[in-house]
Protein backbone atom coordinates (compact mmCIF):
# COMPACT_ATOMS: atom_id res chain seq x y z
CA MET A 1 79.98 143.52 100.07
CA LYS A 2 76.51 144.80 100.99
CA VAL A 3 74.07 142.31 102.71
CA ASP A 4 71.10 144.00 100.72
CA ASP A 5 72.86 143.18 97.33
CA LEU A 6 73.32 139.60 98.50
CA LEU A 7 69.46 139.42 99.11
CA LEU A 8 68.90 140.58 95.71
CA LEU A 9 70.96 137.75 94.37
CA ALA A 10 68.66 135.38 96.06
CA GLN A 11 65.54 137.09 94.86
CA VAL A 12 66.94 136.95 91.16
CA GLN A 13 67.78 133.19 91.49
CA ARG A 14 64.15 132.55 92.95
CA ALA A 15 62.64 134.51 90.08
CA GLY A 16 64.67 132.96 87.29
CA SER A 17 65.39 136.29 85.48
CA LEU A 18 66.33 139.98 85.99
CA SER A 19 63.05 141.16 84.58
CA ALA A 20 60.88 138.80 86.55
CA ALA A 21 62.87 139.72 89.53
CA SER A 22 62.55 143.37 88.79
CA ARG A 23 58.76 143.03 88.69
CA LEU A 24 58.51 141.20 91.87
CA MET A 25 60.51 143.62 93.76
CA ASP A 26 59.21 146.71 92.08
CA LEU A 27 62.80 147.68 91.17
CA PRO A 28 64.20 149.06 88.00
CA LYS A 29 65.99 146.52 86.04
CA ALA A 30 68.96 148.79 85.37
CA THR A 31 69.17 149.36 89.14
CA LEU A 32 69.20 145.57 89.63
CA SER A 33 71.58 144.90 87.25
CA ARG A 34 74.03 147.56 88.40
CA ARG A 35 73.92 146.27 92.12
CA LEU A 36 74.44 142.85 91.09
CA THR A 37 77.46 143.98 89.10
CA ALA A 38 78.71 145.96 92.19
CA LEU A 39 78.20 142.47 94.18
CA GLU A 40 80.50 140.67 91.43
CA THR A 41 83.22 143.41 91.81
CA SER A 42 83.10 143.32 95.68
CA VAL A 43 83.25 139.37 95.81
CA GLY A 44 86.02 139.55 93.01
CA ALA A 45 84.46 136.94 90.93
CA ARG A 46 81.69 136.23 88.35
CA LEU A 47 78.43 135.09 89.78
CA PHE A 48 76.59 134.95 86.31
CA VAL A 49 77.66 132.85 83.33
CA PRO A 50 78.36 135.36 80.68
CA GLY A 51 76.64 134.65 77.17
CA ALA A 52 74.17 132.20 78.75
CA ALA A 53 70.69 131.84 76.89
CA ARG A 54 69.14 132.41 80.19
CA LEU A 55 69.98 133.65 83.45
CA THR A 56 72.61 131.10 84.94
CA LEU A 57 74.50 131.45 88.08
CA THR A 58 78.05 130.17 88.42
CA GLU A 59 78.96 127.57 91.11
CA LEU A 60 79.97 130.38 93.51
CA GLY A 61 76.67 132.37 92.56
CA GLU A 62 74.68 129.43 93.45
CA GLN A 63 76.45 129.09 96.88
CA LEU A 64 76.07 132.64 97.75
CA ALA A 65 72.46 132.69 96.62
CA GLU A 66 71.79 129.65 98.98
CA ARG A 67 73.47 131.23 101.87
CA ALA A 68 71.44 134.62 101.11
CA GLN A 69 68.38 132.65 100.92
CA ARG A 70 69.03 131.26 104.57
CA HIS A 71 69.72 134.78 105.84
CA GLU A 72 66.57 136.15 104.11
CA ASP A 73 64.50 133.24 105.88
CA ASP A 74 65.97 134.22 109.09
CA ILE A 75 65.05 137.79 108.76
CA ALA A 76 61.28 136.75 107.71
CA GLU A 77 61.37 134.49 110.77
CA THR A 78 62.48 137.34 113.01
CA ARG A 79 59.80 139.69 111.53
CA GLU A 80 57.17 136.99 112.16
CA TRP A 81 58.35 136.23 115.69
CA LEU A 82 58.20 139.96 116.43
CA ALA A 83 54.69 140.21 115.08
CA SER A 84 53.71 137.23 117.18
CA ARG A 85 54.70 138.51 120.45
CA ASP A 86 52.24 141.50 119.90
CA ALA A 87 49.48 139.22 118.52
CA THR A 88 46.19 138.53 120.45
CA PRO A 89 46.47 134.86 121.88
CA GLN A 90 43.84 132.86 119.90
CA GLY A 91 42.96 129.61 118.40
CA LYS A 92 43.30 125.98 119.64
CA LEU A 93 45.96 125.13 122.04
CA ARG A 94 46.75 121.42 122.62
CA VAL A 95 48.56 120.46 126.00
CA SER A 96 49.84 117.07 126.94
CA VAL A 97 49.98 116.39 130.64
CA PRO A 98 50.09 113.38 132.87
CA ALA A 99 46.37 113.02 134.05
CA GLU A 100 46.68 113.05 137.73
CA PHE A 101 49.13 116.07 137.73
CA ALA A 102 46.71 118.12 135.65
CA MET A 103 43.94 117.05 137.96
CA LEU A 104 45.67 117.54 141.49
CA LEU A 105 47.92 120.61 140.40
CA LEU A 106 46.86 122.33 137.13
CA ALA A 107 43.32 122.02 136.83
CA ASP A 108 42.59 125.57 138.59
CA SER A 109 45.24 127.17 136.37
CA PHE A 110 43.83 125.80 133.37
CA ALA A 111 40.37 127.08 134.07
CA ARG A 112 41.79 130.53 134.79
CA PHE A 113 43.83 130.61 131.55
CA VAL A 114 40.61 130.41 129.49
CA ARG A 115 38.80 132.81 131.34
CA ARG A 116 41.95 135.16 131.09
CA TYR A 117 42.23 134.39 127.23
CA PRO A 118 38.62 133.68 125.98
CA ARG A 119 39.67 133.40 122.23
CA VAL A 120 42.00 130.31 123.09
CA ASP A 121 40.42 126.85 123.19
CA LEU A 122 42.43 124.79 125.48
CA GLU A 123 42.62 121.17 124.87
CA VAL A 124 44.29 118.89 127.56
CA ASP A 125 45.34 115.78 126.57
CA THR A 126 46.13 113.16 129.35
CA THR A 127 47.73 110.39 127.20
CA PRO A 128 50.37 108.74 129.49
CA ARG A 129 52.85 108.46 126.56
CA HIS A 130 55.38 111.04 125.53
CA VAL A 131 53.99 112.76 122.60
CA ASP A 132 55.97 113.77 119.36
CA LEU A 133 55.92 117.68 119.48
CA PHE A 134 57.67 117.82 115.92
CA ASN A 135 55.31 115.28 114.15
CA GLU A 136 51.98 115.79 116.21
CA PRO A 137 49.68 118.76 116.65
CA TYR A 138 50.66 119.44 120.42
CA ASP A 139 51.84 122.94 121.39
CA VAL A 140 53.16 122.12 125.15
CA ALA A 141 53.84 118.98 126.82
CA VAL A 142 54.22 118.93 130.72
CA ARG A 143 56.56 116.14 131.62
CA ALA A 144 57.64 114.83 135.03
CA GLY A 145 61.18 113.34 135.21
CA PRO A 146 64.34 113.91 133.19
CA VAL A 147 64.26 114.88 129.54
CA ASP A 148 66.66 113.33 127.15
CA GLU A 149 65.62 114.69 123.82
CA PRO A 150 68.06 117.66 123.24
CA GLU A 151 66.15 118.83 120.27
CA LEU A 152 63.17 120.12 122.48
CA VAL A 153 63.30 123.34 124.28
CA ALA A 154 62.70 122.34 128.08
CA ARG A 155 61.89 124.84 130.63
CA LEU A 156 62.06 123.83 134.21
CA TYR A 157 58.66 124.59 135.60
CA MET A 158 58.95 123.23 139.29
CA GLN A 159 60.64 120.65 141.46
CA LEU A 160 58.37 118.35 143.10
CA GLU A 161 59.83 117.63 146.75
CA ARG A 162 58.81 114.20 147.80
CA GLY A 163 58.31 112.75 151.21
CA LEU A 164 56.25 110.25 153.13
CA TYR A 165 52.81 111.12 154.56
CA ALA A 166 50.09 109.26 156.43
CA SER A 167 46.68 110.16 158.07
CA PRO A 168 46.22 110.80 161.67
CA VAL A 169 43.80 107.94 161.77
CA TYR A 170 46.77 105.52 160.49
CA LEU A 171 49.28 107.17 163.06
CA GLN A 172 46.82 106.67 166.00
CA ALA A 173 46.71 103.04 165.38
CA ARG A 174 50.23 102.51 164.71
CA HIS A 175 53.28 104.24 166.40
CA ALA A 176 54.65 106.99 164.14
CA PRO A 177 58.11 105.91 162.91
CA LEU A 178 61.12 107.91 164.46
CA THR A 179 63.75 106.36 162.31
CA PRO A 180 63.87 104.97 158.75
CA ALA A 181 64.29 101.60 160.26
CA ASP A 182 60.96 101.72 162.03
CA LEU A 183 59.26 101.80 158.48
CA ALA A 184 59.64 98.12 158.19
CA ALA A 185 56.91 97.72 160.69
CA HIS A 186 54.56 99.92 158.75
CA ASP A 187 52.14 99.35 155.98
CA PHE A 188 52.29 101.28 152.52
CA VAL A 189 50.03 102.60 150.09
CA ALA A 190 52.11 101.89 146.94
CA LEU A 191 52.00 103.35 143.60
CA THR A 192 52.36 100.47 141.30
CA GLN A 193 54.96 102.14 138.82
CA ALA A 194 56.82 103.53 141.50
CA LYS A 195 57.18 101.15 144.21
CA ASP A 196 60.35 99.66 142.91
CA VAL A 197 61.82 103.04 142.03
CA ASN A 198 61.10 105.51 145.18
CA LYS A 199 62.92 103.50 147.68
CA ARG A 200 65.92 105.54 148.49
CA LEU A 201 65.24 108.03 151.40
CA ARG A 202 67.87 110.84 151.88
CA ASN A 203 68.67 113.21 154.70
CA GLY A 204 71.62 115.27 153.66
CA LYS A 205 74.37 112.89 152.81
CA GLN A 206 72.59 109.91 154.51
CA THR A 207 70.74 107.47 152.51
CA VAL A 208 68.71 104.52 153.00
CA ASP A 209 66.66 102.19 151.08
CA VAL A 210 63.21 101.48 152.17
CA PRO A 211 60.97 98.75 150.56
CA MET A 212 57.35 99.71 150.03
CA ARG A 213 55.34 97.04 151.41
CA GLY A 214 51.69 96.75 152.20
CA PRO A 215 48.30 95.47 151.36
CA LEU A 216 47.27 98.29 148.96
CA GLU A 217 48.55 99.08 145.61
CA ALA A 218 47.35 101.19 142.74
CA ASN A 219 48.51 102.44 139.54
CA SER A 220 46.68 105.83 140.26
CA ILE A 221 48.40 108.30 142.28
CA GLY A 222 45.07 109.91 143.06
CA LEU A 223 43.77 106.69 144.26
CA VAL A 224 46.75 106.19 146.35
CA LEU A 225 46.30 109.53 147.84
CA SER A 226 42.76 108.73 148.59
CA MET A 227 43.69 105.54 150.33
CA ALA A 228 46.23 107.28 152.31
CA ARG A 229 43.77 109.86 153.66
CA ALA A 230 41.39 106.87 154.54
CA GLY A 231 44.16 105.28 156.70
CA GLY A 232 45.27 102.73 154.41
CA GLY A 233 48.93 103.15 155.25
CA ILE A 234 52.10 105.53 154.62
CA GLY A 235 52.32 107.01 151.00
CA SER A 236 54.89 108.56 149.19
CA PHE A 237 53.78 112.00 147.61
CA PRO A 238 55.03 115.12 146.13
CA PHE A 239 54.61 117.82 148.70
CA GLY A 240 52.47 119.90 146.09
CA MET A 241 49.97 117.07 145.81
CA VAL A 242 49.35 117.15 149.53
CA ALA A 243 49.84 120.58 150.62
CA SER A 244 46.11 121.28 151.15
CA ASP A 245 45.90 117.97 153.18
CA VAL A 246 48.82 118.94 155.31
CA GLU A 247 47.22 122.40 156.06
CA ALA A 248 43.89 120.79 156.89
CA GLY A 249 45.34 118.19 158.81
CA THR A 250 44.04 115.04 156.92
CA LEU A 251 47.68 114.05 156.32
CA VAL A 252 50.81 114.31 158.24
CA ARG A 253 54.47 114.43 157.18
CA VAL A 254 56.21 111.02 158.41
CA LEU A 255 60.07 111.46 159.15
CA PRO A 256 60.03 114.90 158.11
CA ASP A 257 63.84 115.15 157.86
CA TRP A 258 63.87 112.53 155.39
CA GLY A 259 62.61 112.55 151.41
CA TYR A 260 63.32 111.34 148.19
CA GLU A 261 65.15 113.09 145.22
CA PRO A 262 63.24 115.73 143.88
CA LEU A 263 61.13 115.29 140.82
CA PRO A 264 61.79 117.92 138.04
CA VAL A 265 58.72 119.13 136.01
CA TYR A 266 59.43 120.52 132.58
CA LEU A 267 57.37 122.49 130.01
CA LEU A 268 58.32 121.28 126.63
CA THR A 269 58.06 123.08 123.14
CA ALA A 270 59.41 122.13 119.90
CA SER A 271 62.79 123.94 119.18
CA ARG A 272 63.59 125.82 115.87
CA ARG A 273 59.65 126.79 115.64
CA LEU A 274 58.34 130.07 116.18
CA MET A 275 56.08 130.39 119.60
CA PRO A 276 52.82 131.60 118.78
CA ALA A 277 51.15 134.05 120.99
CA LYS A 278 48.81 131.61 122.51
CA THR A 279 51.62 129.30 123.47
CA ARG A 280 53.97 131.92 125.02
CA ALA A 281 50.80 133.21 126.88
CA PHE A 282 49.86 129.73 128.20
CA ILE A 283 53.64 129.13 129.46
CA ASP A 284 53.59 132.78 131.00
CA HIS A 285 50.41 132.14 132.77
CA LEU A 286 51.48 128.78 134.26
CA PHE A 287 54.72 130.33 135.83
CA GLU A 288 52.48 133.34 136.93
CA THR A 289 49.85 131.10 138.70
CA LYS A 290 52.22 128.42 140.32
CA PRO A 291 51.20 127.54 143.98
CA ASP A 292 53.11 129.63 146.69
CA TRP A 293 55.20 126.46 147.72
CA ALA A 294 56.60 126.49 144.14
CA LYS A 295 57.04 129.92 143.63
CA ALA A 296 59.86 129.91 146.27
CA GLN A 297 61.98 127.70 144.06
CA PRO A 298 64.73 129.02 141.96
CA MET A 299 63.90 130.72 138.59
CA PRO A 300 63.85 128.15 135.70
CA LYS A 301 66.50 128.18 133.09
CA LEU A 302 65.77 127.64 129.53
CA ARG A 303 67.61 124.40 127.95
CA ARG A 304 68.11 124.21 124.30
């Protein structure tokens, strides 16, 4: 049985008659009829109802035509995919990303992307909700934390190593903690939505729960970071968000041997959907422009 003849069967079913299929495919009707007869012979069963007033497929013919149609669609999709890889990135690209993650870690990369691809209009949406990549017009979503939607393609972008940081101003006024137990005597600058989550510090196999207590609390990690810089207390931050502060000396790592469970960050796209050149270029660009501290992490794996 030849695959090409199966594809002809799908074309004939779609056209509704041999004559119509012959015209659509620019193939002589006699040739088309001969190849379909050969297909019946190879299958060993009739695919067309004999003597019918109009072209009618048997039950087996319908089933084969349906399978052939799926195969034809796969071929067409593959051709489109190959063409999309070579196409120039262009058009509107909508990306969903947490506001302060974008501001503190991705703003520079976004600006470099549109300079690199001037025919792409990048629209960044910082809505805090999880957008629906299948039913809403988003191309990519950047999400921190575990992903529990198996229908999405999730590519690990980076791991955010989290620790405790404070300003030299604060540590001069209060003795720097030497053990996790010493933290009970210190003030924290807490992120509202994380103060009851980020409690367990780890050092190898050792763990200890440390409540975040203090007079300062905010639901913006950017504001929490600013208050920690100003000496308001000890804050919990991903290293990537405070790397420049550590280098400049405006923040100091507290208990450097202790930290929190790393927070994974994923780039999400809809599965079973062709990836346009603009989307592929954007994802490649994000990996190419990762900061040095993140580039040292293991290469990401594609999860389907």
